[in-house]
Amino acid sequence: MNKNLYAFGAFFLGLSVACGLLQSIITFELGTGIYTLDSIVVWVIGVSVISVVGSVFLLKYFHYRKY
């Protein structure tokens, strides 16, 4: 596993955590009304893609380390 792949993995996992924190803060401020917004579909798809990419990098790392 080269250094670039490791850096991309760390970036996407950090981005996934940041998205989760941002969504928690917005949900805390707006309440459950956030789920009635038109943009929530785009947000959920975007966060899902980021999470899947981060998970793939994490699985590649685990495979490289022979866990």
N, C-alpha and C. Protein backbone atom coordinates (compact mmCIF):
# COMPACT_ATOMS: atom_id res chain seq x y z
N MET A 1 0.87 -1.18 0.00
CA MET A 1 0.00 0.00 0.00
C MET A 1 0.90 1.23 0.00
N ASN A 2 0.77 2.02 -1.04
CA ASN A 2 1.66 3.18 -1.12
C ASN A 2 1.14 4.34 -0.27
N LYS A 3 1.98 5.34 -0.14
CA LYS A 3 1.67 6.46 0.74
C LYS A 3 0.47 7.28 0.27
N ASN A 4 0.29 7.41 -1.05
CA ASN A 4 -0.84 8.17 -1.58
C ASN A 4 -2.16 7.51 -1.23
N LEU A 5 -2.20 6.18 -1.35
CA LEU A 5 -3.43 5.45 -1.04
C LEU A 5 -3.78 5.60 0.44
N TYR A 6 -2.77 5.54 1.28
CA TYR A 6 -2.97 5.72 2.72
C TYR A 6 -3.49 7.13 3.02
N ALA A 7 -2.93 8.12 2.35
CA ALA A 7 -3.38 9.51 2.58
C ALA A 7 -4.81 9.71 2.10
N PHE A 8 -5.17 9.14 0.95
CA PHE A 8 -6.54 9.24 0.47
C PHE A 8 -7.51 8.55 1.43
N GLY A 9 -7.11 7.42 1.96
CA GLY A 9 -7.96 6.72 2.92
C GLY A 9 -8.20 7.55 4.17
N ALA A 10 -7.15 8.13 4.70
CA ALA A 10 -7.28 8.97 5.89
C ALA A 10 -8.15 10.20 5.58
N PHE A 11 -7.97 10.76 4.39
CA PHE A 11 -8.77 11.93 4.00
C PHE A 11 -10.26 11.58 3.93
N PHE A 12 -10.60 10.47 3.27
CA PHE A 12 -12.01 10.12 3.12
C PHE A 12 -12.64 9.70 4.45
N LEU A 13 -11.88 9.04 5.31
CA LEU A 13 -12.43 8.70 6.62
C LEU A 13 -12.63 9.95 7.47
N GLY A 14 -11.70 10.89 7.38
CA GLY A 14 -11.87 12.16 8.08
C GLY A 14 -13.05 12.96 7.53
N LEU A 15 -13.21 12.94 6.22
CA LEU A 15 -14.34 13.62 5.59
C LEU A 15 -15.66 13.00 6.01
N SER A 16 -15.67 11.68 6.15
CA SER A 16 -16.88 10.99 6.61
C SER A 16 -17.24 11.39 8.04
N VAL A 17 -16.25 11.50 8.89
CA VAL A 17 -16.48 11.94 10.28
C VAL A 17 -16.98 13.38 10.30
N ALA A 18 -16.37 14.23 9.48
CA ALA A 18 -16.80 15.63 9.41
C ALA A 18 -18.24 15.76 8.93
N CYS A 19 -18.62 14.95 7.95
CA CYS A 19 -20.01 14.97 7.47
C CYS A 19 -20.97 14.53 8.56
N GLY A 20 -20.59 13.52 9.31
CA GLY A 20 -21.44 13.07 10.41
C GLY A 20 -21.61 14.13 11.48
N LEU A 21 -20.51 14.80 11.81
CA LEU A 21 -20.60 15.87 12.81
C LEU A 21 -21.44 17.04 12.30
N LEU A 22 -21.25 17.41 11.05
CA LEU A 22 -22.03 18.49 10.47
C LEU A 22 -23.52 18.16 10.45
N GLN A 23 -23.84 16.93 10.08
CA GLN A 23 -25.25 16.52 10.06
C GLN A 23 -25.83 16.52 11.47
N SER A 24 -25.05 16.12 12.45
CA SER A 24 -25.53 16.13 13.84
C SER A 24 -25.79 17.55 14.32
N ILE A 25 -24.90 18.46 13.98
CA ILE A 25 -25.08 19.85 14.40
C ILE A 25 -26.31 20.45 13.73
N ILE A 26 -26.47 20.20 12.44
CA ILE A 26 -27.63 20.74 11.72
C ILE A 26 -28.93 20.13 12.25
N THR A 27 -28.92 18.84 12.53
CA THR A 27 -30.11 18.19 13.10
C THR A 27 -30.44 18.77 14.47
N PHE A 28 -29.41 19.05 15.26
CA PHE A 28 -29.62 19.64 16.58
C PHE A 28 -30.24 21.03 16.46
N GLU A 29 -29.78 21.81 15.47
CA GLU A 29 -30.29 23.17 15.30
C GLU A 29 -31.69 23.20 14.67
N LEU A 30 -31.92 22.39 13.64
CA LEU A 30 -33.19 22.44 12.92
C LEU A 30 -34.21 21.41 13.40
N GLY A 31 -33.76 20.44 14.14
CA GLY A 31 -34.66 19.38 14.58
C GLY A 31 -34.90 18.39 13.46
N THR A 32 -35.97 17.66 13.54
CA THR A 32 -36.25 16.64 12.52
C THR A 32 -36.75 17.25 11.22
N GLY A 33 -36.91 18.57 11.18
CA GLY A 33 -37.32 19.24 9.96
C GLY A 33 -36.28 19.15 8.85
N ILE A 34 -35.06 18.80 9.21
CA ILE A 34 -34.01 18.66 8.20
C ILE A 34 -34.36 17.55 7.21
N TYR A 35 -35.08 16.55 7.66
CA TYR A 35 -35.40 15.41 6.79
C TYR A 35 -36.54 15.72 5.82
N THR A 36 -37.15 16.88 5.93
CA THR A 36 -38.20 17.27 4.98
C THR A 36 -37.67 18.20 3.89
N LEU A 37 -36.39 18.59 3.98
CA LEU A 37 -35.80 19.47 2.97
C LEU A 37 -35.58 18.71 1.66
N ASP A 38 -35.67 19.43 0.55
CA ASP A 38 -35.45 18.81 -0.75
C ASP A 38 -34.01 18.36 -0.95
N SER A 39 -33.08 19.02 -0.31
CA SER A 39 -31.66 18.71 -0.51
C SER A 39 -31.18 17.51 0.29
N ILE A 40 -32.02 16.94 1.14
CA ILE A 40 -31.57 15.83 1.98
C ILE A 40 -31.21 14.60 1.15
N VAL A 41 -31.88 14.41 0.02
CA VAL A 41 -31.59 13.25 -0.84
C VAL A 41 -30.16 13.35 -1.38
N VAL A 42 -29.80 14.53 -1.86
CA VAL A 42 -28.45 14.75 -2.38
C VAL A 42 -27.42 14.58 -1.25
N TRP A 43 -27.74 15.09 -0.07
CA TRP A 43 -26.84 14.98 1.07
C TRP A 43 -26.61 13.52 1.45
N VAL A 44 -27.69 12.76 1.55
CA VAL A 44 -27.57 11.36 1.95
C VAL A 44 -26.77 10.56 0.92
N ILE A 45 -27.02 10.81 -0.36
CA ILE A 45 -26.27 10.11 -1.41
C ILE A 45 -24.80 10.51 -1.34
N GLY A 46 -24.51 11.78 -1.15
CA GLY A 46 -23.12 12.23 -1.07
C GLY A 46 -22.38 11.63 0.12
N VAL A 47 -23.03 11.64 1.28
CA VAL A 47 -22.41 11.07 2.48
C VAL A 47 -22.23 9.56 2.31
N SER A 48 -23.17 8.91 1.68
CA SER A 48 -23.05 7.46 1.45
C SER A 48 -21.87 7.14 0.53
N VAL A 49 -21.71 7.92 -0.52
CA VAL A 49 -20.58 7.70 -1.44
C VAL A 49 -19.26 7.93 -0.71
N ILE A 50 -19.17 9.00 0.06
CA ILE A 50 -17.95 9.28 0.82
C ILE A 50 -17.66 8.15 1.81
N SER A 51 -18.68 7.66 2.48
CA SER A 51 -18.49 6.58 3.44
C SER A 51 -18.06 5.28 2.77
N VAL A 52 -18.64 4.97 1.62
CA VAL A 52 -18.26 3.76 0.90
C VAL A 52 -16.81 3.84 0.44
N VAL A 53 -16.42 4.98 -0.10
CA VAL A 53 -15.03 5.15 -0.56
C VAL A 53 -14.07 5.02 0.62
N GLY A 54 -14.39 5.64 1.73
CA GLY A 54 -13.56 5.52 2.93
C GLY A 54 -13.48 4.10 3.43
N SER A 55 -14.59 3.37 3.38
CA SER A 55 -14.61 1.98 3.81
C SER A 55 -13.78 1.09 2.90
N VAL A 56 -13.82 1.37 1.60
CA VAL A 56 -13.01 0.59 0.65
C VAL A 56 -11.52 0.80 0.94
N PHE A 57 -11.12 2.05 1.17
CA PHE A 57 -9.73 2.30 1.51
C PHE A 57 -9.34 1.61 2.82
N LEU A 58 -10.24 1.61 3.80
CA LEU A 58 -9.98 0.95 5.07
C LEU A 58 -9.84 -0.56 4.89
N LEU A 59 -10.70 -1.15 4.05
CA LEU A 59 -10.59 -2.58 3.79
C LEU A 59 -9.29 -2.92 3.06
N LYS A 60 -8.89 -2.06 2.12
CA LYS A 60 -7.61 -2.28 1.44
C LYS A 60 -6.45 -2.21 2.42
N TYR A 61 -6.52 -1.30 3.37
CA TYR A 61 -5.48 -1.19 4.39
C TYR A 61 -5.44 -2.44 5.26
N PHE A 62 -6.61 -2.91 5.69
CA PHE A 62 -6.66 -4.11 6.51
C PHE A 62 -6.13 -5.33 5.74
N HIS A 63 -6.46 -5.40 4.47
CA HIS A 63 -5.98 -6.51 3.64
C HIS A 63 -4.46 -6.44 3.50
N TYR A 64 -3.93 -5.25 3.31
CA TYR A 64 -2.49 -5.07 3.19
C TYR A 64 -1.77 -5.46 4.48
N ARG A 65 -2.37 -5.14 5.63
CA ARG A 65 -1.77 -5.47 6.92
C ARG A 65 -2.06 -6.90 7.36
N LYS A 66 -2.82 -7.64 6.55
CA LYS A 66 -3.16 -9.04 6.78
C LYS A 66 -3.92 -9.27 8.08
N TYR A 67 -4.94 -8.42 8.30
CA TYR A 67 -5.84 -8.62 9.45
C TYR A 67 -6.87 -9.63 9.12
